[in-house]
PDB file of N, CA and C in Angstrom:
ATOM      1  N   UNK A   1    -131.199  36.858  81.348  1.00  0.00           N
ATOM      2  CA  UNK A   1    -129.735  37.138  81.696  1.00  0.00           C
ATOM      3  C   UNK A   1    -128.894  36.527  80.566  1.00  0.00           C
ATOM      4  N   UNK A   2    -127.946  37.192  79.984  1.00  0.00           N
ATOM      5  CA  UNK A   2    -127.112  36.528  79.003  1.00  0.00           C
ATOM      6  C   UNK A   2    -126.078  35.620  79.570  1.00  0.00           C
ATOM      7  N   UNK A   3    -125.787  34.620  78.826  1.00  0.00           N
ATOM      8  CA  UNK A   3    -124.833  33.613  79.385  1.00  0.00           C
ATOM      9  C   UNK A   3    -123.425  34.061  78.686  1.00  0.00           C
ATOM     10  N   UNK A   4    -122.475  33.757  79.395  1.00  0.00           N
ATOM     11  CA  UNK A   4    -121.043  34.082  78.921  1.00  0.00           C
ATOM     12  C   UNK A   4    -120.409  32.822  78.084  1.00  0.00           C
ATOM     13  N   UNK A   5    -119.981  33.004  76.869  1.00  0.00           N
ATOM     14  CA  UNK A   5    -119.514  31.870  76.282  1.00  0.00           C
ATOM     15  C   UNK A   5    -117.974  31.791  76.696  1.00  0.00           C
ATOM     16  N   UNK A   6    -117.642  30.598  76.925  1.00  0.00           N
ATOM     17  CA  UNK A   6    -116.005  30.191  77.338  1.00  0.00           C
ATOM     18  C   UNK A   6    -115.396  29.813  76.123  1.00  0.00           C
ATOM     19  N   UNK A   7    -114.353  30.260  75.923  1.00  0.00           N
ATOM     20  CA  UNK A   7    -113.367  29.720  74.740  1.00  0.00           C
ATOM     21  C   UNK A   7    -112.937  28.396  75.079  1.00  0.00           C
ATOM     22  N   UNK A   8    -112.652  27.590  74.164  1.00  0.00           N
ATOM     23  CA  UNK A   8    -112.090  26.087  74.440  1.00  0.00           C
ATOM     24  C   UNK A   8    -110.710  26.281  75.150  1.00  0.00           C
ATOM     25  N   UNK A   9    -110.447  25.418  76.103  1.00  0.00           N
ATOM     26  CA  UNK A   9    -109.023  25.612  76.673  1.00  0.00           C
ATOM     27  C   UNK A   9    -107.904  25.079  75.789  1.00  0.00           C
ATOM     28  N   UNK A  10    -106.873  25.800  75.762  1.00  0.00           N
ATOM     29  CA  UNK A  10    -105.803  25.401  74.951  1.00  0.00           C
ATOM     30  C   UNK A  10    -105.110  24.198  75.556  1.00  0.00           C
ATOM     31  N   UNK A  11    -104.455  23.299  74.894  1.00  0.00           N
ATOM     32  CA  UNK A  11    -103.558  22.189  75.427  1.00  0.00           C
ATOM     33  C   UNK A  11    -102.572  22.684  76.163  1.00  0.00           C
ATOM     34  N   UNK A  12    -102.178  22.030  77.213  1.00  0.00           N
ATOM     35  CA  UNK A  12    -100.903  22.248  77.796  1.00  0.00           C
ATOM     36  C   UNK A  12     -99.679  22.034  77.066  1.00  0.00           C
ATOM     37  N   UNK A  13     -98.708  22.843  77.104  1.00  0.00           N
ATOM     38  CA  UNK A  13     -97.555  22.685  76.216  1.00  0.00           C
ATOM     39  C   UNK A  13     -96.263  22.482  77.172  1.00  0.00           C
ATOM     40  N   UNK A  14     -95.431  21.483  76.618  1.00  0.00           N
ATOM     41  CA  UNK A  14     -94.149  21.238  77.389  1.00  0.00           C
ATOM     42  C   UNK A  14     -93.158  21.914  76.699  1.00  0.00           C
ATOM     43  N   UNK A  15     -92.170  22.247  77.213  1.00  0.00           N
ATOM     44  CA  UNK A  15     -90.945  22.884  76.668  1.00  0.00           C
ATOM     45  C   UNK A  15     -89.814  21.781  76.650  1.00  0.00           C
ATOM     46  N   UNK A  16     -89.309  21.538  75.410  1.00  0.00           N
ATOM     47  CA  UNK A  16     -88.399  20.516  75.272  1.00  0.00           C
ATOM     48  C   UNK A  16     -87.228  21.249  74.516  1.00  0.00           C
ATOM     49  N   UNK A  17     -86.066  20.567  74.699  1.00  0.00           N
ATOM     50  CA  UNK A  17     -84.840  20.921  73.824  1.00  0.00           C
ATOM     51  C   UNK A  17     -84.404  19.976  72.983  1.00  0.00           C
ATOM     52  N   UNK A  18     -84.095  20.146  71.835  1.00  0.00           N
ATOM     53  CA  UNK A  18     -83.660  18.967  71.063  1.00  0.00           C
ATOM     54  C   UNK A  18     -82.427  19.510  70.105  1.00  0.00           C
ATOM     55  N   UNK A  19     -81.566  18.511  69.919  1.00  0.00           N
ATOM     56  CA  UNK A  19     -80.377  18.796  69.222  1.00  0.00           C
ATOM     57  C   UNK A  19     -80.403  18.650  67.753  1.00  0.00           C
ATOM     58  N   UNK A  20     -80.227  19.557  66.882  1.00  0.00           N
ATOM     59  CA  UNK A  20     -80.358  19.473  65.524  1.00  0.00           C
ATOM     60  C   UNK A  20     -78.979  19.702  64.868  1.00  0.00           C
ATOM     61  N   UNK A  21     -78.640  19.101  63.688  1.00  0.00           N
ATOM     62  CA  UNK A  21     -77.492  19.358  62.956  1.00  0.00           C
ATOM     63  C   UNK A  21     -77.693  20.667  62.147  1.00  0.00           C
ATOM     64  N   UNK A  22     -76.705  21.168  61.630  1.00  0.00           N
ATOM     65  CA  UNK A  22     -76.997  22.444  60.822  1.00  0.00           C
ATOM     66  C   UNK A  22     -77.925  22.221  59.538  1.00  0.00           C
ATOM     67  N   UNK A  23     -77.791  20.979  58.945  1.00  0.00           N
ATOM     68  CA  UNK A  23     -78.734  20.663  57.989  1.00  0.00           C
ATOM     69  C   UNK A  23     -80.053  20.650  58.386  1.00  0.00           C
ATOM     70  N   UNK A  24     -80.351  19.936  59.435  1.00  0.00           N
ATOM     71  CA  UNK A  24     -81.856  19.784  59.797  1.00  0.00           C
ATOM     72  C   UNK A  24     -82.362  21.046  60.403  1.00  0.00           C
ATOM     73  N   UNK A  25     -81.436  21.775  61.066  1.00  0.00           N
ATOM     74  CA  UNK A  25     -81.899  23.155  61.401  1.00  0.00           C
ATOM     75  C   UNK A  25     -82.267  23.982  60.323  1.00  0.00           C
ATOM     76  N   UNK A  26     -81.593  24.015  59.233  1.00  0.00           N
ATOM     77  CA  UNK A  26     -81.881  24.681  57.922  1.00  0.00           C
ATOM     78  C   UNK A  26     -83.196  24.259  57.249  1.00  0.00           C
ATOM     79  N   UNK A  27     -83.396  22.918  57.307  1.00  0.00           N
ATOM     80  CA  UNK A  27     -84.712  22.330  56.894  1.00  0.00           C
ATOM     81  C   UNK A  27     -85.826  22.833  57.654  1.00  0.00           C
ATOM     82  N   UNK A  28     -85.712  22.734  58.975  1.00  0.00           N
ATOM     83  CA  UNK A  28     -86.727  23.168  59.812  1.00  0.00           C
ATOM     84  C   UNK A  28     -87.101  24.662  59.648  1.00  0.00           C
ATOM     85  N   UNK A  29     -86.090  25.475  59.600  1.00  0.00           N
ATOM     86  CA  UNK A  29     -86.316  26.865  59.289  1.00  0.00           C
ATOM     87  C   UNK A  29     -86.886  27.181  57.905  1.00  0.00           C
ATOM     88  N   UNK A  30     -86.457  26.479  56.872  1.00  0.00           N
ATOM     89  CA  UNK A  30     -86.996  26.479  55.542  1.00  0.00           C
ATOM     90  C   UNK A  30     -88.615  26.242  55.605  1.00  0.00           C
ATOM     91  N   UNK A  31     -88.879  24.899  56.295  1.00  0.00           N
ATOM     92  CA  UNK A  31     -90.262  24.688  56.429  1.00  0.00           C
ATOM     93  C   UNK A  31     -91.157  25.622  57.095  1.00  0.00           C
ATOM     94  N   UNK A  32     -90.543  26.282  58.213  1.00  0.00           N
ATOM     95  CA  UNK A  32     -91.323  27.309  58.963  1.00  0.00           C
ATOM     96  C   UNK A  32     -91.605  28.445  57.958  1.00  0.00           C
ATOM     97  N   UNK A  33     -90.484  28.833  57.352  1.00  0.00           N
ATOM     98  CA  UNK A  33     -90.736  30.101  56.371  1.00  0.00           C
ATOM     99  C   UNK A  33     -91.693  29.778  55.348  1.00  0.00           C
ATOM    100  N   UNK A  34     -91.669  28.645  54.677  1.00  0.00           N
ATOM    101  CA  UNK A  34     -92.402  28.315  53.672  1.00  0.00           C
ATOM    102  C   UNK A  34     -94.024  28.156  54.284  1.00  0.00           C
ATOM    103  N   UNK A  35     -94.147  27.718  55.298  1.00  0.00           N
ATOM    104  CA  UNK A  35     -95.550  27.648  55.987  1.00  0.00           C
ATOM    105  C   UNK A  35     -95.972  29.082  56.228  1.00  0.00           C
ATOM    106  N   UNK A  36     -95.005  29.837  56.692  1.00  0.00           N
ATOM    107  CA  UNK A  36     -95.514  31.428  56.905  1.00  0.00           C
ATOM    108  C   UNK A  36     -95.856  32.005  55.669  1.00  0.00           C
ATOM    109  N   UNK A  37     -95.133  31.669  54.485  1.00  0.00           N
ATOM    110  CA  UNK A  37     -95.587  32.430  53.226  1.00  0.00           C
ATOM    111  C   UNK A  37     -96.874  31.782  52.693  1.00  0.00           C
ATOM    112  N   UNK A  38     -97.010  30.508  52.826  1.00  0.00           N
ATOM    113  CA  UNK A  38     -98.262  29.969  52.475  1.00  0.00           C
ATOM    114  C   UNK A  38     -99.573  30.380  53.232  1.00  0.00           C
ATOM    115  N   UNK A  39     -99.422  30.388  54.584  1.00  0.00           N
ATOM    116  CA  UNK A  39    -100.420  30.731  55.454  1.00  0.00           C
ATOM    117  C   UNK A  39    -100.556  32.213  55.820  1.00  0.00           C
ATOM    118  N   UNK A  40     -99.636  33.015  55.290  1.00  0.00           N
ATOM    119  CA  UNK A  40     -99.652  34.453  55.564  1.00  0.00           C
ATOM    120  C   UNK A  40     -99.682  34.837  56.977  1.00  0.00           C
ATOM    121  N   UNK A  41     -98.922  34.164  57.731  1.00  0.00           N
ATOM    122  CA  UNK A  41     -98.783  34.520  59.081  1.00  0.00           C
ATOM    123  C   UNK A  41     -97.663  33.708  59.646  1.00  0.00           C
ATOM    124  N   UNK A  42     -97.043  34.171  60.806  1.00  0.00           N
ATOM    125  CA  UNK A  42     -95.764  33.660  61.353  1.00  0.00           C
ATOM    126  C   UNK A  42     -96.075  32.267  61.856  1.00  0.00           C
ATOM    127  N   UNK A  43     -95.250  31.283  61.418  1.00  0.00           N
ATOM    128  CA  UNK A  43     -95.281  30.018  61.888  1.00  0.00           C
ATOM    129  C   UNK A  43     -93.988  29.615  62.599  1.00  0.00           C
ATOM    130  N   UNK A  44     -94.077  29.063  63.811  1.00  0.00           N
ATOM    131  CA  UNK A  44     -92.942  28.875  64.532  1.00  0.00           C
ATOM    132  C   UNK A  44     -92.337  27.405  64.198  1.00  0.00           C
ATOM    133  N   UNK A  45     -91.049  27.212  64.661  1.00  0.00           N
ATOM    134  CA  UNK A  45     -90.602  25.914  64.380  1.00  0.00           C
ATOM    135  C   UNK A  45     -91.276  24.851  65.199  1.00  0.00           C
ATOM    136  N   UNK A  46     -91.688  25.345  66.517  1.00  0.00           N
ATOM    137  CA  UNK A  46     -92.408  24.361  67.286  1.00  0.00           C
ATOM    138  C   UNK A  46     -93.851  23.844  66.580  1.00  0.00           C
ATOM    139  N   UNK A  47     -94.397  24.931  65.958  1.00  0.00           N
ATOM    140  CA  UNK A  47     -95.714  24.564  65.333  1.00  0.00           C
ATOM    141  C   UNK A  47     -95.431  23.420  64.099  1.00  0.00           C
ATOM    142  N   UNK A  48     -94.464  23.600  63.445  1.00  0.00           N
ATOM    143  CA  UNK A  48     -94.010  22.657  62.291  1.00  0.00           C
ATOM    144  C   UNK A  48     -93.706  21.413  62.998  1.00  0.00           C
ATOM    145  N   UNK A  49     -93.058  21.320  64.149  1.00  0.00           N
ATOM    146  CA  UNK A  49     -92.641  19.943  64.778  1.00  0.00           C
ATOM    147  C   UNK A  49     -94.060  19.355  65.221  1.00  0.00           C
ATOM    148  N   UNK A  50     -94.818  20.115  65.873  1.00  0.00           N
ATOM    149  CA  UNK A  50     -96.048  19.591  66.536  1.00  0.00           C
ATOM    150  C   UNK A  50     -96.926  19.038  65.318  1.00  0.00           C
ATOM    151  N   UNK A  51     -96.998  19.656  64.065  1.00  0.00           N
ATOM    152  CA  UNK A  51     -97.884  19.270  62.910  1.00  0.00           C
ATOM    153  C   UNK A  51     -97.176  17.896  62.454  1.00  0.00           C
ATOM    154  N   UNK A  52     -95.900  17.917  62.226  1.00  0.00           N
ATOM    155  CA  UNK A  52     -95.318  16.739  61.884  1.00  0.00           C
ATOM    156  C   UNK A  52     -95.697  15.561  62.681  1.00  0.00           C
ATOM    157  N   UNK A  53     -95.553  15.717  64.035  1.00  0.00           N
ATOM    158  CA  UNK A  53     -95.873  14.787  64.993  1.00  0.00           C
ATOM    159  C   UNK A  53     -97.409  14.259  64.900  1.00  0.00           C
ATOM    160  N   UNK A  54     -98.202  15.248  64.756  1.00  0.00           N
ATOM    161  CA  UNK A  54     -99.572  14.823  64.537  1.00  0.00           C
ATOM    162  C   UNK A  54     -99.987  14.126  63.268  1.00  0.00           C
ATOM    163  N   UNK A  55     -99.144  14.429  62.151  1.00  0.00           N
ATOM    164  CA  UNK A  55     -99.279  13.767  60.792  1.00  0.00           C
ATOM    165  C   UNK A  55     -98.892  12.274  61.055  1.00  0.00           C
ATOM    166  N   UNK A  56     -97.676  12.131  61.796  1.00  0.00           N
ATOM    167  CA  UNK A  56     -97.166  10.858  61.862  1.00  0.00           C
ATOM    168  C   UNK A  56     -98.204  10.037  62.760  1.00  0.00           C
ATOM    169  N   UNK A  57     -98.869  10.491  63.755  1.00  0.00           N
ATOM    170  CA  UNK A  57     -99.746   9.966  64.676  1.00  0.00           C
ATOM    171  C   UNK A  57    -100.802   9.444  64.039  1.00  0.00           C
ATOM    172  N   UNK A  58    -101.331  10.038  62.785  1.00  0.00           N
ATOM    173  CA  UNK A  58    -102.356   9.565  62.097  1.00  0.00           C
ATOM    174  C   UNK A  58    -102.179   8.381  61.155  1.00  0.00           C
ATOM    175  N   UNK A  59    -100.825   8.101  60.982  1.00  0.00           N
ATOM    176  CA  UNK A  59    -100.416   6.896  60.114  1.00  0.00           C
ATOM    177  C   UNK A  59    -100.596   5.621  60.875  1.00  0.00           C
ATOM    178  N   UNK A  60    -100.516   4.617  60.100  1.00  0.00           N
ATOM    179  CA  UNK A  60    -100.556   3.390  60.807  1.00  0.00           C
ATOM    180  C   UNK A  60     -99.340   2.986  61.257  1.00  0.00           C
ATOM    181  N   UNK A  61     -99.304   1.904  62.247  1.00  0.00           N
ATOM    182  CA  UNK A  61     -97.954   1.574  62.860  1.00  0.00           C
ATOM    183  C   UNK A  61     -97.048   0.884  61.727  1.00  0.00           C
ATOM    184  N   UNK A  62     -97.646   0.271  60.796  1.00  0.00           N
ATOM    185  CA  UNK A  62     -96.724  -0.216  59.819  1.00  0.00           C
ATOM    186  C   UNK A  62     -96.242   0.811  58.814  1.00  0.00           C
ATOM    187  N   UNK A  63     -96.935   2.007  58.729  1.00  0.00           N
ATOM    188  CA  UNK A  63     -96.271   2.919  58.023  1.00  0.00           C
ATOM    189  C   UNK A  63     -95.148   3.680  58.648  1.00  0.00           C
ATOM    190  N   UNK A  64     -95.400   3.856  60.027  1.00  0.00           N
ATOM    191  CA  UNK A  64     -94.331   4.493  60.749  1.00  0.00           C
ATOM    192  C   UNK A  64     -93.134   3.543  60.830  1.00  0.00           C
ATOM    193  N   UNK A  65     -93.318   2.354  60.912  1.00  0.00           N
ATOM    194  CA  UNK A  65     -92.220   1.435  60.964  1.00  0.00           C
ATOM    195  C   UNK A  65     -91.613   1.335  59.631  1.00  0.00           C
ATOM    196  N   UNK A  66     -92.139   1.382  58.569  1.00  0.00           N
ATOM    197  CA  UNK A  66     -91.639   1.331  57.115  1.00  0.00           C
ATOM    198  C   UNK A  66     -91.031   2.651  56.845  1.00  0.00           C
ATOM    199  N   UNK A  67     -91.718   3.722  57.081  1.00  0.00           N
ATOM    200  CA  UNK A  67     -91.371   4.997  56.529  1.00  0.00           C
ATOM    201  C   UNK A  67     -90.524   5.881  57.490  1.00  0.00           C
ATOM    202  N   UNK A  68     -90.691   5.833  58.867  1.00  0.00           N
ATOM    203  CA  UNK A  68     -89.951   6.724  59.698  1.00  0.00           C
ATOM    204  C   UNK A  68     -88.849   6.002  60.287  1.00  0.00           C
ATOM    205  N   UNK A  69     -89.029   4.709  60.834  1.00  0.00           N
ATOM    206  CA  UNK A  69     -87.916   4.113  61.662  1.00  0.00           C
ATOM    207  C   UNK A  69     -86.535   3.947  60.923  1.00  0.00           C
ATOM    208  N   UNK A  70     -86.674   3.626  59.513  1.00  0.00           N
ATOM    209  CA  UNK A  70     -85.348   3.824  58.832  1.00  0.00           C
ATOM    210  C   UNK A  70     -84.609   5.210  59.101  1.00  0.00           C
ATOM    211  N   UNK A  71     -85.147   6.227  59.127  1.00  0.00           N
ATOM    212  CA  UNK A  71     -84.682   7.550  59.312  1.00  0.00           C
ATOM    213  C   UNK A  71     -84.115   7.537  60.871  1.00  0.00           C
ATOM    214  N   UNK A  72     -84.891   7.152  61.827  1.00  0.00           N
ATOM    215  CA  UNK A  72     -84.482   6.991  63.124  1.00  0.00           C
ATOM    216  C   UNK A  72     -83.226   6.107  63.184  1.00  0.00           C
ATOM    217  N   UNK A  73     -83.142   5.122  62.602  1.00  0.00           N
ATOM    218  CA  UNK A  73     -82.118   4.078  62.546  1.00  0.00           C
ATOM    219  C   UNK A  73     -80.689   4.871  61.989  1.00  0.00           C
ATOM    220  N   UNK A  74     -81.031   5.556  60.953  1.00  0.00           N
ATOM    221  CA  UNK A  74     -79.867   6.237  60.338  1.00  0.00           C
ATOM    222  C   UNK A  74     -79.384   7.340  61.227  1.00  0.00           C
ATOM    223  N   UNK A  75     -80.265   8.127  61.951  1.00  0.00           N
ATOM    224  CA  UNK A  75     -79.830   9.061  62.917  1.00  0.00           C
ATOM    225  C   UNK A  75     -79.111   8.368  64.125  1.00  0.00           C
ATOM    226  N   UNK A  76     -79.479   7.195  64.535  1.00  0.00           N
ATOM    227  CA  UNK A  76     -78.830   6.587  65.644  1.00  0.00           C
ATOM    228  C   UNK A  76     -77.480   6.029  65.187  1.00  0.00           C
ATOM    229  N   UNK A  77     -77.472   5.542  64.061  1.00  0.00           N
ATOM    230  CA  UNK A  77     -75.999   5.029  63.547  1.00  0.00           C
ATOM    231  C   UNK A  77     -75.044   6.164  63.178  1.00  0.00           C
ATOM    232  N   UNK A  78     -75.572   7.369  62.886  1.00  0.00           N
ATOM    233  CA  UNK A  78     -74.614   8.324  62.281  1.00  0.00           C
ATOM    234  C   UNK A  78     -74.369   9.487  63.306  1.00  0.00           C
ATOM    235  N   UNK A  79     -75.074   9.628  64.415  1.00  0.00           N
ATOM    236  CA  UNK A  79     -74.958  10.665  65.198  1.00  0.00           C
ATOM    237  C   UNK A  79     -74.754  10.358  66.609  1.00  0.00           C
ATOM    238  N   UNK A  80     -74.882  11.509  67.411  1.00  0.00           N
ATOM    239  CA  UNK A  80     -74.849  11.169  68.840  1.00  0.00           C
ATOM    240  C   UNK A  80     -76.164  10.597  69.538  1.00  0.00           C
ATOM    241  N   UNK A  81     -75.793   9.552  70.282  1.00  0.00           N
ATOM    242  CA  UNK A  81     -77.136   8.869  70.966  1.00  0.00           C
ATOM    243  C   UNK A  81     -76.972   9.119  72.405  1.00  0.00           C
ATOM    244  N   UNK A  82     -78.206   9.086  72.989  1.00  0.00           N
ATOM    245  CA  UNK A  82     -78.167   9.412  74.365  1.00  0.00           C
ATOM    246  C   UNK A  82     -78.850   8.066  75.229  1.00  0.00           C
ATOM    247  N   UNK A  83     -78.746   6.983  74.461  1.00  0.00           N
ATOM    248  CA  UNK A  83     -79.296   5.759  75.101  1.00  0.00           C
ATOM    249  C   UNK A  83     -78.417   4.530  75.012  1.00  0.00           C
ATOM    250  N   UNK A  84     -78.659   3.552  75.670  1.00  0.00           N
ATOM    251  CA  UNK A  84     -77.800   2.416  75.489  1.00  0.00           C
ATOM    252  C   UNK A  84     -78.268   1.514  74.320  1.00  0.00           C
ATOM    253  N   UNK A  85     -77.365   0.847  73.743  1.00  0.00           N
ATOM    254  CA  UNK A  85     -77.675  -0.019  72.594  1.00  0.00           C
ATOM    255  C   UNK A  85     -78.390  -1.222  73.017  1.00  0.00           C
ATOM    256  N   UNK A  86     -79.520  -1.550  72.420  1.00  0.00           N
ATOM    257  CA  UNK A  86     -80.233  -2.718  72.712  1.00  0.00           C
ATOM    258  C   UNK A  86     -79.551  -3.984  72.455  1.00  0.00           C
ATOM    259  N   UNK A  87     -79.445  -4.857  73.417  1.00  0.00           N
ATOM    260  CA  UNK A  87     -78.822  -6.168  72.947  1.00  0.00           C
ATOM    261  C   UNK A  87     -79.737  -7.196  72.606  1.00  0.00           C
TER     262      UNK A  87
END
């Protein structure tokens, strides 16, 4: 009797909404289009964001603090914030 192979289950996806400036939206669209051109298939904005998060997750905490958090701070100081200022 032949056994039936099962395909690996896909990870559950959560739908999120994020606010982007026109400049960051253009950057995301440009990255998605370039990835589509290089990979020769459609690449969604969500796939680019997930890939960026996976890349960051692979970095050391010191790298994240040194390389990413200055940009987070810049965003917090220059844009709309949805949290309270830490005292």
